Structures are given as structure tokens and as C-alpha cells.
Amino acid sequence: MSEIMLQLNFNFSVTKEEYEQAVSPLADKFANVPGLIWKIWILNEEKSEAGGIYMFENQASLDEFLAGSLAKTVTGHPALSDFSVKQFGIIKDITETTRGPIKLSSNA
């Protein structure tokens, strides 16, 4: 198993409060995504940018998420635009030194 990170960013065209109200009901759905270890919700109100940093158990679970209905719900939302989707591996030793919130498998 080799954990993998996903960085998803986008612009939003509503107020911060409207954005949070729209995405709050999705939190439980994200919590139940197979293979998702955690998600951090990010927001820059001044620039109307938001997104998430995700840690998945492996590439297969990340791919399944991106192809699934929840990702399509987010990317198809009319108040969201200019999506950036990036995948990254993890530099284990340095991340542990800086107390990154990871628990990697032994062969990561």
C-alpha cells in the first residue's frame, strides 16, 4: 500500500456562508468515501477559493473517488469553477519531522 495525496482547488461564486452551508451536508459523505484516510477543508475567502487536501490509502481508492458520484457532484456544482486537481506522493521522513498528520503503511 502506498498512500497518496490529492489537492483539489476551485473558485466559488457565492458568499463564504453560502459556500459553507452548501458543503456542510457533504461532510458525512466524504467521511464515508472508501479508502479516504482524511480530508482537510480549505478556504480563502478574500480570493473566493476553496478546496480540500485529501489523503487516500492508495491510488486505486483515489481513482475510484475521482470517478465517483461525489466528485461529480462537487465538480458539477454551478457555484464552483476553475478546478485544479493534483496528485502527490508523500515524503515520509521529512513529513514525520514536521509532525504532518500521516500514518503511513510500512512500505510507503
PDB file of N, CA and C in Angstrom:
ATOM      1  N   MET A   1       0.846  -1.178   0.000  1.00  0.00           N
ATOM      2  CA  MET A   1       0.000   0.000   0.000  1.00  0.00           C
ATOM      3  C   MET A   1       0.887   1.236   0.000  1.00  0.00           C
ATOM      4  N   SER A   2       0.526   2.204  -0.791  1.00  0.00           N
ATOM      5  CA  SER A   2       1.274   3.456  -0.848  1.00  0.00           C
ATOM      6  C   SER A   2       0.284   4.619  -0.828  1.00  0.00           C
ATOM      7  N   GLU A   3       0.236   5.326   0.283  1.00  0.00           N
ATOM      8  CA  GLU A   3      -0.701   6.430   0.434  1.00  0.00           C
ATOM      9  C   GLU A   3      -0.413   7.515  -0.593  1.00  0.00           C
ATOM     10  N   ILE A   4      -1.453   8.249  -0.947  1.00  0.00           N
ATOM     11  CA  ILE A   4      -1.331   9.296  -1.958  1.00  0.00           C
ATOM     12  C   ILE A   4      -2.203  10.484  -1.557  1.00  0.00           C
ATOM     13  N   MET A   5      -1.709  11.664  -1.884  1.00  0.00           N
ATOM     14  CA  MET A   5      -2.407  12.901  -1.548  1.00  0.00           C
ATOM     15  C   MET A   5      -3.113  13.450  -2.785  1.00  0.00           C
ATOM     16  N   LEU A   6      -4.243  14.085  -2.548  1.00  0.00           N
ATOM     17  CA  LEU A   6      -4.990  14.783  -3.588  1.00  0.00           C
ATOM     18  C   LEU A   6      -5.182  16.217  -3.121  1.00  0.00           C
ATOM     19  N   GLN A   7      -4.877  17.148  -4.000  1.00  0.00           N
ATOM     20  CA  GLN A   7      -5.145  18.566  -3.738  1.00  0.00           C
ATOM     21  C   GLN A   7      -6.164  19.028  -4.763  1.00  0.00           C
ATOM     22  N   LEU A   8      -7.331  19.430  -4.290  1.00  0.00           N
ATOM     23  CA  LEU A   8      -8.416  19.883  -5.155  1.00  0.00           C
ATOM     24  C   LEU A   8      -8.738  21.325  -4.787  1.00  0.00           C
ATOM     25  N   ASN A   9      -8.582  22.226  -5.744  1.00  0.00           N
ATOM     26  CA  ASN A   9      -8.865  23.640  -5.520  1.00  0.00           C
ATOM     27  C   ASN A   9      -9.853  24.129  -6.569  1.00  0.00           C
ATOM     28  N   PHE A  10     -10.629  25.150  -6.210  1.00  0.00           N
ATOM     29  CA  PHE A  10     -11.589  25.737  -7.137  1.00  0.00           C
ATOM     30  C   PHE A  10     -11.996  27.116  -6.638  1.00  0.00           C
ATOM     31  N   ASN A  11     -12.644  27.863  -7.511  1.00  0.00           N
ATOM     32  CA  ASN A  11     -13.215  29.159  -7.148  1.00  0.00           C
ATOM     33  C   ASN A  11     -14.690  28.966  -6.831  1.00  0.00           C
ATOM     34  N   PHE A  12     -15.215  29.825  -5.951  1.00  0.00           N
ATOM     35  CA  PHE A  12     -16.647  29.788  -5.667  1.00  0.00           C
ATOM     36  C   PHE A  12     -17.245  31.174  -5.880  1.00  0.00           C
ATOM     37  N   SER A  13     -18.512  31.201  -6.299  1.00  0.00           N
ATOM     38  CA  SER A  13     -19.156  32.462  -6.689  1.00  0.00           C
ATOM     39  C   SER A  13     -20.287  32.864  -5.750  1.00  0.00           C
ATOM     40  N   VAL A  14     -20.234  32.387  -4.526  1.00  0.00           N
ATOM     41  CA  VAL A  14     -21.232  32.726  -3.512  1.00  0.00           C
ATOM     42  C   VAL A  14     -20.494  33.252  -2.285  1.00  0.00           C
ATOM     43  N   THR A  15     -21.219  33.690  -1.272  1.00  0.00           N
ATOM     44  CA  THR A  15     -20.560  34.146  -0.049  1.00  0.00           C
ATOM     45  C   THR A  15     -19.952  32.958   0.690  1.00  0.00           C
ATOM     46  N   LYS A  16     -19.048  33.241   1.604  1.00  0.00           N
ATOM     47  CA  LYS A  16     -18.438  32.193   2.433  1.00  0.00           C
ATOM     48  C   LYS A  16     -19.526  31.415   3.173  1.00  0.00           C
ATOM     49  N   GLU A  17     -20.482  32.126   3.716  1.00  0.00           N
ATOM     50  CA  GLU A  17     -21.560  31.484   4.468  1.00  0.00           C
ATOM     51  C   GLU A  17     -22.390  30.570   3.569  1.00  0.00           C
ATOM     52  N   GLU A  18     -22.702  31.036   2.367  1.00  0.00           N
ATOM     53  CA  GLU A  18     -23.465  30.210   1.428  1.00  0.00           C
ATOM     54  C   GLU A  18     -22.656  28.984   1.008  1.00  0.00           C
ATOM     55  N   TYR A  19     -21.352  29.172   0.804  1.00  0.00           N
ATOM     56  CA  TYR A  19     -20.494  28.046   0.441  1.00  0.00           C
ATOM     57  C   TYR A  19     -20.499  27.002   1.553  1.00  0.00           C
ATOM     58  N   GLU A  20     -20.257  27.453   2.790  1.00  0.00           N
ATOM     59  CA  GLU A  20     -20.211  26.516   3.915  1.00  0.00           C
ATOM     60  C   GLU A  20     -21.548  25.810   4.105  1.00  0.00           C
ATOM     61  N   GLN A  21     -22.637  26.528   3.917  1.00  0.00           N
ATOM     62  CA  GLN A  21     -23.961  25.924   4.032  1.00  0.00           C
ATOM     63  C   GLN A  21     -24.170  24.858   2.949  1.00  0.00           C
ATOM     64  N   ALA A  22     -23.654  25.120   1.764  1.00  0.00           N
ATOM     65  CA  ALA A  22     -23.815  24.165   0.660  1.00  0.00           C
ATOM     66  C   ALA A  22     -22.975  22.909   0.854  1.00  0.00           C
ATOM     67  N   VAL A  23     -21.763  23.057   1.405  1.00  0.00           N
ATOM     68  CA  VAL A  23     -20.877  21.893   1.505  1.00  0.00           C
ATOM     69  C   VAL A  23     -21.001  21.129   2.820  1.00  0.00           C
ATOM     70  N   SER A  24     -21.546  21.757   3.857  1.00  0.00           N
ATOM     71  CA  SER A  24     -21.686  21.069   5.146  1.00  0.00           C
ATOM     72  C   SER A  24     -22.381  19.716   5.039  1.00  0.00           C
ATOM     73  N   PRO A  25     -23.477  19.609   4.282  1.00  0.00           N
ATOM     74  CA  PRO A  25     -24.136  18.307   4.179  1.00  0.00           C
ATOM     75  C   PRO A  25     -23.270  17.234   3.503  1.00  0.00           C
ATOM     76  N   LEU A  26     -22.223  17.651   2.802  1.00  0.00           N
ATOM     77  CA  LEU A  26     -21.360  16.677   2.124  1.00  0.00           C
ATOM     78  C   LEU A  26     -20.317  16.061   3.055  1.00  0.00           C
ATOM     79  N   ALA A  27     -20.114  16.637   4.230  1.00  0.00           N
ATOM     80  CA  ALA A  27     -19.057  16.157   5.127  1.00  0.00           C
ATOM     81  C   ALA A  27     -19.222  14.677   5.461  1.00  0.00           C
ATOM     82  N   ASP A  28     -20.435  14.256   5.797  1.00  0.00           N
ATOM     83  CA  ASP A  28     -20.659  12.844   6.119  1.00  0.00           C
ATOM     84  C   ASP A  28     -20.408  11.951   4.915  1.00  0.00           C
ATOM     85  N   LYS A  29     -20.741  12.444   3.728  1.00  0.00           N
ATOM     86  CA  LYS A  29     -20.485  11.656   2.514  1.00  0.00           C
ATOM     87  C   LYS A  29     -18.985  11.481   2.304  1.00  0.00           C
ATOM     88  N   PHE A  30     -18.217  12.560   2.502  1.00  0.00           N
ATOM     89  CA  PHE A  30     -16.768  12.444   2.387  1.00  0.00           C
ATOM     90  C   PHE A  30     -16.215  11.502   3.456  1.00  0.00           C
ATOM     91  N   ALA A  31     -16.754  11.564   4.655  1.00  0.00           N
ATOM     92  CA  ALA A  31     -16.277  10.710   5.746  1.00  0.00           C
ATOM     93  C   ALA A  31     -16.449   9.229   5.423  1.00  0.00           C
ATOM     94  N   ASN A  32     -17.361   8.912   4.521  1.00  0.00           N
ATOM     95  CA  ASN A  32     -17.629   7.516   4.169  1.00  0.00           C
ATOM     96  C   ASN A  32     -17.032   7.085   2.835  1.00  0.00           C
ATOM     97  N   VAL A  33     -16.171   7.902   2.237  1.00  0.00           N
ATOM     98  CA  VAL A  33     -15.533   7.530   0.976  1.00  0.00           C
ATOM     99  C   VAL A  33     -14.560   6.379   1.239  1.00  0.00           C
ATOM    100  N   PRO A  34     -14.721   5.256   0.556  1.00  0.00           N
ATOM    101  CA  PRO A  34     -13.802   4.138   0.750  1.00  0.00           C
ATOM    102  C   PRO A  34     -12.359   4.539   0.431  1.00  0.00           C
ATOM    103  N   GLY A  35     -11.451   4.227   1.350  1.00  0.00           N
ATOM    104  CA  GLY A  35     -10.037   4.499   1.136  1.00  0.00           C
ATOM    105  C   GLY A  35      -9.588   5.897   1.507  1.00  0.00           C
ATOM    106  N   LEU A  36     -10.511   6.788   1.847  1.00  0.00           N
ATOM    107  CA  LEU A  36     -10.130   8.134   2.274  1.00  0.00           C
ATOM    108  C   LEU A  36      -9.732   8.080   3.742  1.00  0.00           C
ATOM    109  N   ILE A  37      -8.483   8.440   4.028  1.00  0.00           N
ATOM    110  CA  ILE A  37      -7.993   8.448   5.404  1.00  0.00           C
ATOM    111  C   ILE A  37      -8.450   9.716   6.104  1.00  0.00           C
ATOM    112  N   TRP A  38      -8.288  10.847   5.439  1.00  0.00           N
ATOM    113  CA  TRP A  38      -8.775  12.128   5.969  1.00  0.00           C
ATOM    114  C   TRP A  38      -8.883  13.160   4.865  1.00  0.00           C
ATOM    115  N   LYS A  39      -9.633  14.221   5.181  1.00  0.00           N
ATOM    116  CA  LYS A  39      -9.769  15.372   4.290  1.00  0.00           C
ATOM    117  C   LYS A  39      -9.682  16.628   5.141  1.00  0.00           C
ATOM    118  N   ILE A  40      -8.932  17.610   4.667  1.00  0.00           N
ATOM    119  CA  ILE A  40      -8.887  18.926   5.286  1.00  0.00           C
ATOM    120  C   ILE A  40      -9.574  19.890   4.330  1.00  0.00           C
ATOM    121  N   TRP A  41     -10.558  20.602   4.830  1.00  0.00           N
ATOM    122  CA  TRP A  41     -11.306  21.583   4.036  1.00  0.00           C
ATOM    123  C   TRP A  41     -10.545  22.899   4.089  1.00  0.00           C
ATOM    124  N   ILE A  42     -10.296  23.525   2.938  1.00  0.00           N
ATOM    125  CA  ILE A  42      -9.530  24.773   2.894  1.00  0.00           C
ATOM    126  C   ILE A  42     -10.351  25.872   2.230  1.00  0.00           C
ATOM    127  N   LEU A  43     -10.086  27.125   2.636  1.00  0.00           N
ATOM    128  CA  LEU A  43     -10.864  28.242   2.113  1.00  0.00           C
ATOM    129  C   LEU A  43     -10.053  29.534   2.209  1.00  0.00           C
ATOM    130  N   ASN A  44     -10.089  30.316   1.139  1.00  0.00           N
ATOM    131  CA  ASN A  44      -9.519  31.660   1.115  1.00  0.00           C
ATOM    132  C   ASN A  44     -10.662  32.585   0.710  1.00  0.00           C
ATOM    133  N   GLU A  45     -11.307  33.160   1.714  1.00  0.00           N
ATOM    134  CA  GLU A  45     -12.496  33.979   1.452  1.00  0.00           C
ATOM    135  C   GLU A  45     -12.169  35.185   0.581  1.00  0.00           C
ATOM    136  N   GLU A  46     -11.027  35.814   0.821  1.00  0.00           N
ATOM    137  CA  GLU A  46     -10.649  37.015   0.080  1.00  0.00           C
ATOM    138  C   GLU A  46     -10.554  36.760  -1.422  1.00  0.00           C
ATOM    139  N   LYS A  47     -10.051  35.575  -1.792  1.00  0.00           N
ATOM    140  CA  LYS A  47      -9.884  35.238  -3.212  1.00  0.00           C
ATOM    141  C   LYS A  47     -11.008  34.352  -3.753  1.00  0.00           C
ATOM    142  N   SER A  48     -11.991  34.057  -2.920  1.00  0.00           N
ATOM    143  CA  SER A  48     -13.105  33.172  -3.303  1.00  0.00           C
ATOM    144  C   SER A  48     -12.595  31.834  -3.820  1.00  0.00           C
ATOM    145  N   GLU A  49     -11.617  31.286  -3.111  1.00  0.00           N
ATOM    146  CA  GLU A  49     -11.052  29.980  -3.450  1.00  0.00           C
ATOM    147  C   GLU A  49     -11.290  29.016  -2.297  1.00  0.00           C
ATOM    148  N   ALA A  50     -11.513  27.773  -2.647  1.00  0.00           N
ATOM    149  CA  ALA A  50     -11.718  26.741  -1.642  1.00  0.00           C
ATOM    150  C   ALA A  50     -11.229  25.415  -2.204  1.00  0.00           C
ATOM    151  N   GLY A  51     -11.352  24.385  -1.403  1.00  0.00           N
ATOM    152  CA  GLY A  51     -10.966  23.065  -1.865  1.00  0.00           C
ATOM    153  C   GLY A  51     -10.690  22.131  -0.715  1.00  0.00           C
ATOM    154  N   GLY A  52      -9.847  21.163  -0.992  1.00  0.00           N
ATOM    155  CA  GLY A  52      -9.523  20.181   0.026  1.00  0.00           C
ATOM    156  C   GLY A  52      -8.173  19.549  -0.214  1.00  0.00           C
ATOM    157  N   ILE A  53      -7.593  19.091   0.884  1.00  0.00           N
ATOM    158  CA  ILE A  53      -6.383  18.276   0.857  1.00  0.00           C
ATOM    159  C   ILE A  53      -6.810  16.917   1.394  1.00  0.00           C
ATOM    160  N   TYR A  54      -6.584  15.879   0.619  1.00  0.00           N
ATOM    161  CA  TYR A  54      -7.063  14.542   0.949  1.00  0.00           C
ATOM    162  C   TYR A  54      -5.884  13.581   1.048  1.00  0.00           C
ATOM    163  N   MET A  55      -6.006  12.611   1.947  1.00  0.00           N
ATOM    164  CA  MET A  55      -5.048  11.509   1.996  1.00  0.00           C
ATOM    165  C   MET A  55      -5.825  10.212   1.760  1.00  0.00           C
ATOM    166  N   PHE A  56      -5.418   9.484   0.727  1.00  0.00           N
ATOM    167  CA  PHE A  56      -6.044   8.217   0.375  1.00  0.00           C
ATOM    168  C   PHE A  56      -5.106   7.056   0.680  1.00  0.00           C
ATOM    169  N   GLU A  57      -5.679   5.898   0.927  1.00  0.00           N
ATOM    170  CA  GLU A  57      -4.902   4.693   1.218  1.00  0.00           C
ATOM    171  C   GLU A  57      -4.014   4.290   0.052  1.00  0.00           C
ATOM    172  N   ASN A  58      -4.507   4.510  -1.175  1.00  0.00           N
ATOM    173  CA  ASN A  58      -3.758   4.073  -2.353  1.00  0.00           C
ATOM    174  C   ASN A  58      -4.320   4.744  -3.605  1.00  0.00           C
ATOM    175  N   GLN A  59      -3.633   4.534  -4.710  1.00  0.00           N
ATOM    176  CA  GLN A  59      -4.040   5.134  -5.982  1.00  0.00           C
ATOM    177  C   GLN A  59      -5.418   4.648  -6.417  1.00  0.00           C
ATOM    178  N   ALA A  60      -5.699   3.376  -6.185  1.00  0.00           N
ATOM    179  CA  ALA A  60      -6.993   2.827  -6.612  1.00  0.00           C
ATOM    180  C   ALA A  60      -8.156   3.525  -5.915  1.00  0.00           C
ATOM    181  N   SER A  61      -8.035   3.773  -4.617  1.00  0.00           N
ATOM    182  CA  SER A  61      -9.130   4.443  -3.906  1.00  0.00           C
ATOM    183  C   SER A  61      -9.270   5.897  -4.346  1.00  0.00           C
ATOM    184  N   LEU A  62      -8.159   6.569  -4.641  1.00  0.00           N
ATOM    185  CA  LEU A  62      -8.217   7.940  -5.157  1.00  0.00           C
ATOM    186  C   LEU A  62      -8.903   7.954  -6.523  1.00  0.00           C
ATOM    187  N   ASP A  63      -8.503   7.040  -7.396  1.00  0.00           N
ATOM    188  CA  ASP A  63      -9.110   6.964  -8.732  1.00  0.00           C
ATOM    189  C   ASP A  63     -10.607   6.683  -8.646  1.00  0.00           C
ATOM    190  N   GLU A  64     -10.985   5.789  -7.735  1.00  0.00           N
ATOM    191  CA  GLU A  64     -12.403   5.459  -7.556  1.00  0.00           C
ATOM    192  C   GLU A  64     -13.177   6.696  -7.087  1.00  0.00           C
ATOM    193  N   PHE A  65     -12.595   7.459  -6.173  1.00  0.00           N
ATOM    194  CA  PHE A  65     -13.242   8.692  -5.718  1.00  0.00           C
ATOM    195  C   PHE A  65     -13.427   9.671  -6.875  1.00  0.00           C
ATOM    196  N   LEU A  66     -12.370   9.912  -7.649  1.00  0.00           N
ATOM    197  CA  LEU A  66     -12.450  10.883  -8.747  1.00  0.00           C
ATOM    198  C   LEU A  66     -13.473  10.479  -9.808  1.00  0.00           C
ATOM    199  N   ALA A  67     -13.672   9.176  -9.988  1.00  0.00           N
ATOM    200  CA  ALA A  67     -14.629   8.686 -10.982  1.00  0.00           C
ATOM    201  C   ALA A  67     -16.051   8.579 -10.426  1.00  0.00           C
ATOM    202  N   GLY A  68     -16.198   8.772  -9.120  1.00  0.00           N
ATOM    203  CA  GLY A  68     -17.480   8.536  -8.472  1.00  0.00           C
ATOM    204  C   GLY A  68     -18.433   9.714  -8.452  1.00  0.00           C
ATOM    205  N   SER A  69     -19.603   9.460  -7.913  1.00  0.00           N
ATOM    206  CA  SER A  69     -20.682  10.451  -7.913  1.00  0.00           C
ATOM    207  C   SER A  69     -20.401  11.646  -7.009  1.00  0.00           C
ATOM    208  N   LEU A  70     -19.698  11.462  -5.907  1.00  0.00           N
ATOM    209  CA  LEU A  70     -19.432  12.591  -5.014  1.00  0.00           C
ATOM    210  C   LEU A  70     -18.525  13.619  -5.680  1.00  0.00           C
ATOM    211  N   ALA A  71     -17.469  13.164  -6.330  1.00  0.00           N
ATOM    212  CA  ALA A  71     -16.587  14.089  -7.053  1.00  0.00           C
ATOM    213  C   ALA A  71     -17.354  14.781  -8.179  1.00  0.00           C
ATOM    214  N   LYS A  72     -18.220  14.053  -8.847  1.00  0.00           N
ATOM    215  CA  LYS A  72     -19.023  14.651  -9.923  1.00  0.00           C
ATOM    216  C   LYS A  72     -20.011  15.684  -9.366  1.00  0.00           C
ATOM    217  N   THR A  73     -20.541  15.443  -8.177  1.00  0.00           N
ATOM    218  CA  THR A  73     -21.423  16.419  -7.533  1.00  0.00           C
ATOM    219  C   THR A  73     -20.680  17.723  -7.279  1.00  0.00           C
ATOM    220  N   VAL A  74     -19.454  17.616  -6.774  1.00  0.00           N
ATOM    221  CA  VAL A  74     -18.656  18.810  -6.480  1.00  0.00           C
ATOM    222  C   VAL A  74     -18.278  19.529  -7.769  1.00  0.00           C
ATOM    223  N   THR A  75     -17.710  18.809  -8.718  1.00  0.00           N
ATOM    224  CA  THR A  75     -17.231  19.462  -9.943  1.00  0.00           C
ATOM    225  C   THR A  75     -18.371  19.960 -10.828  1.00  0.00           C
ATOM    226  N   GLY A  76     -19.577  19.449 -10.615  1.00  0.00           N
ATOM    227  CA  GLY A  76     -20.718  19.889 -11.400  1.00  0.00           C
ATOM    228  C   GLY A  76     -21.535  20.994 -10.751  1.00  0.00           C
ATOM    229  N   HIS A  77     -21.131  21.427  -9.569  1.00  0.00           N
ATOM    230  CA  HIS A  77     -21.908  22.454  -8.860  1.00  0.00           C
ATOM    231  C   HIS A  77     -21.811  23.788  -9.595  1.00  0.00           C
ATOM    232  N   PRO A  78     -22.939  24.460  -9.847  1.00  0.00           N
ATOM    233  CA  PRO A  78     -22.920  25.696 -10.632  1.00  0.00           C
ATOM    234  C   PRO A  78     -22.194  26.868  -9.968  1.00  0.00           C
ATOM    235  N   ALA A  79     -22.004  26.837  -8.655  1.00  0.00           N
ATOM    236  CA  ALA A  79     -21.308  27.937  -7.968  1.00  0.00           C
ATOM    237  C   ALA A  79     -19.799  27.717  -7.895  1.00  0.00           C
ATOM    238  N   LEU A  80     -19.315  26.603  -8.450  1.00  0.00           N
ATOM    239  CA  LEU A  80     -17.891  26.270  -8.388  1.00  0.00           C
ATOM    240  C   LEU A  80     -17.304  26.240  -9.793  1.00  0.00           C
ATOM    241  N   SER A  81     -16.047  26.717  -9.920  1.00  0.00           N
ATOM    242  CA  SER A  81     -15.412  26.762 -11.245  1.00  0.00           C
ATOM    243  C   SER A  81     -13.899  26.710 -11.116  1.00  0.00           C
ATOM    244  N   ASP A  82     -13.238  26.634 -12.258  1.00  0.00           N
ATOM    245  CA  ASP A  82     -11.771  26.689 -12.342  1.00  0.00           C
ATOM    246  C   ASP A  82     -11.103  25.661 -11.429  1.00  0.00           C
ATOM    247  N   PHE A  83     -11.438  24.415 -11.645  1.00  0.00           N
ATOM    248  CA  PHE A  83     -10.920  23.335 -10.808  1.00  0.00           C
ATOM    249  C   PHE A  83      -9.464  23.015 -11.118  1.00  0.00           C
ATOM    250  N   SER A  84      -8.725  22.729 -10.078  1.00  0.00           N
ATOM    251  CA  SER A  84      -7.353  22.234 -10.187  1.00  0.00           C
ATOM    252  C   SER A  84      -7.285  20.947  -9.377  1.00  0.00           C
ATOM    253  N   VAL A  85      -6.879  19.867 -10.024  1.00  0.00           N
ATOM    254  CA  VAL A  85      -6.802  18.560  -9.378  1.00  0.00           C
ATOM    255  C   VAL A  85      -5.373  18.061  -9.518  1.00  0.00           C
ATOM    256  N   LYS A  86      -4.689  17.901  -8.385  1.00  0.00           N
ATOM    257  CA  LYS A  86      -3.291  17.458  -8.406  1.00  0.00           C
ATOM    258  C   LYS A  86      -3.103  16.306  -7.433  1.00  0.00           C
ATOM    259  N   GLN A  87      -2.278  15.349  -7.854  1.00  0.00           N
ATOM    260  CA  GLN A  87      -1.958  14.202  -7.012  1.00  0.00           C
ATOM    261  C   GLN A  87      -0.482  14.254  -6.635  1.00  0.00           C
ATOM    262  N   PHE A  88      -0.191  13.857  -5.390  1.00  0.00           N
ATOM    263  CA  PHE A  88       1.180  13.886  -4.892  1.00  0.00           C
ATOM    264  C   PHE A  88       1.469  12.652  -4.049  1.00  0.00           C
ATOM    265  N   GLY A  89       2.710  12.188  -4.119  1.00  0.00           N
ATOM    266  CA  GLY A  89       3.204  11.212  -3.171  1.00  0.00           C
ATOM    267  C   GLY A  89       3.607  11.939  -1.896  1.00  0.00           C
ATOM    268  N   ILE A  90       4.053  11.178  -0.904  1.00  0.00           N
ATOM    269  CA  ILE A  90       4.415  11.747   0.394  1.00  0.00           C
ATOM    270  C   ILE A  90       5.893  11.488   0.671  1.00  0.00           C
ATOM    271  N   ILE A  91       6.607  12.522   1.109  1.00  0.00           N
ATOM    272  CA  ILE A  91       7.995  12.379   1.548  1.00  0.00           C
ATOM    273  C   ILE A  91       7.939  12.069   3.043  1.00  0.00           C
ATOM    274  N   LYS A  92       7.992  10.787   3.366  1.00  0.00           N
ATOM    275  CA  LYS A  92       7.691  10.300   4.709  1.00  0.00           C
ATOM    276  C   LYS A  92       8.581  10.899   5.799  1.00  0.00           C
ATOM    277  N   ASP A  93       9.892  10.780   5.678  1.00  0.00           N
ATOM    278  CA  ASP A  93      10.789  11.176   6.764  1.00  0.00           C
ATOM    279  C   ASP A  93      10.655  12.650   7.118  1.00  0.00           C
ATOM    280  N   ILE A  94      10.659  13.510   6.121  1.00  0.00           N
ATOM    281  CA  ILE A  94      10.578  14.949   6.383  1.00  0.00           C
ATOM    282  C   ILE A  94       9.207  15.308   6.955  1.00  0.00           C
ATOM    283  N   THR A  95       8.160  14.669   6.452  1.00  0.00           N
ATOM    284  CA  THR A  95       6.812  14.932   6.953  1.00  0.00           C
ATOM    285  C   THR A  95       6.689  14.535   8.418  1.00  0.00           C
ATOM    286  N   GLU A  96       7.271  13.409   8.793  1.00  0.00           N
ATOM    287  CA  GLU A  96       7.244  12.996  10.198  1.00  0.00           C
ATOM    288  C   GLU A  96       7.990  13.994  11.076  1.00  0.00           C
ATOM    289  N   THR A  97       9.120  14.521  10.586  1.00  0.00           N
ATOM    290  CA  THR A  97       9.888  15.508  11.346  1.00  0.00           C
ATOM    291  C   THR A  97       9.056  16.754  11.627  1.00  0.00           C
ATOM    292  N   THR A  98       8.257  17.162  10.659  1.00  0.00           N
ATOM    293  CA  THR A  98       7.447  18.377  10.823  1.00  0.00           C
ATOM    294  C   THR A  98       6.040  18.065  11.343  1.00  0.00           C
ATOM    295  N   ARG A  99       5.856  16.871  11.862  1.00  0.00           N
ATOM    296  CA  ARG A  99       4.611  16.435  12.501  1.00  0.00           C
ATOM    297  C   ARG A  99       3.398  16.456  11.570  1.00  0.00           C
ATOM    298  N   GLY A 100       3.609  16.119  10.309  1.00  0.00           N
ATOM    299  CA  GLY A 100       2.484  16.010   9.380  1.00  0.00           C
ATOM    300  C   GLY A 100       1.510  14.950   9.864  1.00  0.00           C
ATOM    301  N   PRO A 101       0.210  15.143   9.651  1.00  0.00           N
ATOM    302  CA  PRO A 101      -0.812  14.233  10.191  1.00  0.00           C
ATOM    303  C   PRO A 101      -0.942  12.949   9.378  1.00  0.00           C
ATOM    304  N   ILE A 102       0.143  12.188   9.322  1.00  0.00           N
ATOM    305  CA  ILE A 102       0.121  10.975   8.500  1.00  0.00           C
ATOM    306  C   ILE A 102       0.421   9.749   9.346  1.00  0.00           C
ATOM    307  N   LYS A 103      -0.136   8.645   8.924  1.00  0.00           N
ATOM    308  CA  LYS A 103       0.188   7.333   9.470  1.00  0.00           C
ATOM    309  C   LYS A 103       0.368   6.442   8.254  1.00  0.00           C
ATOM    310  N   LEU A 104       1.609   6.310   7.824  1.00  0.00           N
ATOM    311  CA  LEU A 104       1.884   5.600   6.581  1.00  0.00           C
ATOM    312  C   LEU A 104       2.058   4.111   6.806  1.00  0.00           C
ATOM    313  N   SER A 105       1.728   3.349   5.760  1.00  0.00           N
ATOM    314  CA  SER A 105       1.997   1.926   5.803  1.00  0.00           C
ATOM    315  C   SER A 105       3.503   1.718   5.790  1.00  0.00           C
ATOM    316  N   SER A 106       3.944   0.552   6.159  1.00  0.00           N
ATOM    317  CA  SER A 106       5.379   0.295   6.331  1.00  0.00           C
ATOM    318  C   SER A 106       6.179   0.421   5.048  1.00  0.00           C
ATOM    319  N   ASN A 107       5.587   0.196   3.889  1.00  0.00           N
ATOM    320  CA  ASN A 107       6.350   0.270   2.644  1.00  0.00           C
ATOM    321  C   ASN A 107       6.074   1.552   1.863  1.00  0.00           C
ATOM    322  N   ALA A 108       5.645   2.589   2.536  1.00  0.00           N
ATOM    323  CA  ALA A 108       5.394   3.874   1.860  1.00  0.00           C
ATOM    324  C   ALA A 108       6.684   4.621   1.640  1.00  0.00           C
TER     325      ALA A 108
END
